[in-house]
Amino acid sequence: MTALLPVEWAGYKLNLLDTPGYTDFAGEVKGAARVADCALIAVDSVAGVEVGTELAWTYADEHKLPRMVLIAKMDRGERQLSHRARQPNAVLCRQFCSTPITCRQPG
């Protein structure tokens, strides 16, 4: 179920690979990590870091991929970013630099 989106930009061809975040598709994520040059890992601001997030992070580690984290659904009123996205036992919290860059302010 990995989706391929070829994009041409500034004379470069980028192949974006979109894999499901569910643990049922861990093989898809692992296969995509094997052929990728970097990873963008999406985290739901309401649900927080989930098992699929940690698996994707682990596969990126295995292949020494540079990565970026996108925190999605920031426009939801029920979000608790400070609690959920920074869960103390999450792999992400132990390993990545917490330098947030706000791309769009909700509201």
Foldseek 3Di string as FASTA:
>chain_A
DWDWDWDDDPNDIDIDTDDDLDPVRLVVLLVCLVPDQAEEQEAEQAQADDPSSLSSVVSCVVSVHHYHYHHPPPQDPNGDNVDRNCPPVGPCNVDDDPDDDDPDDHD
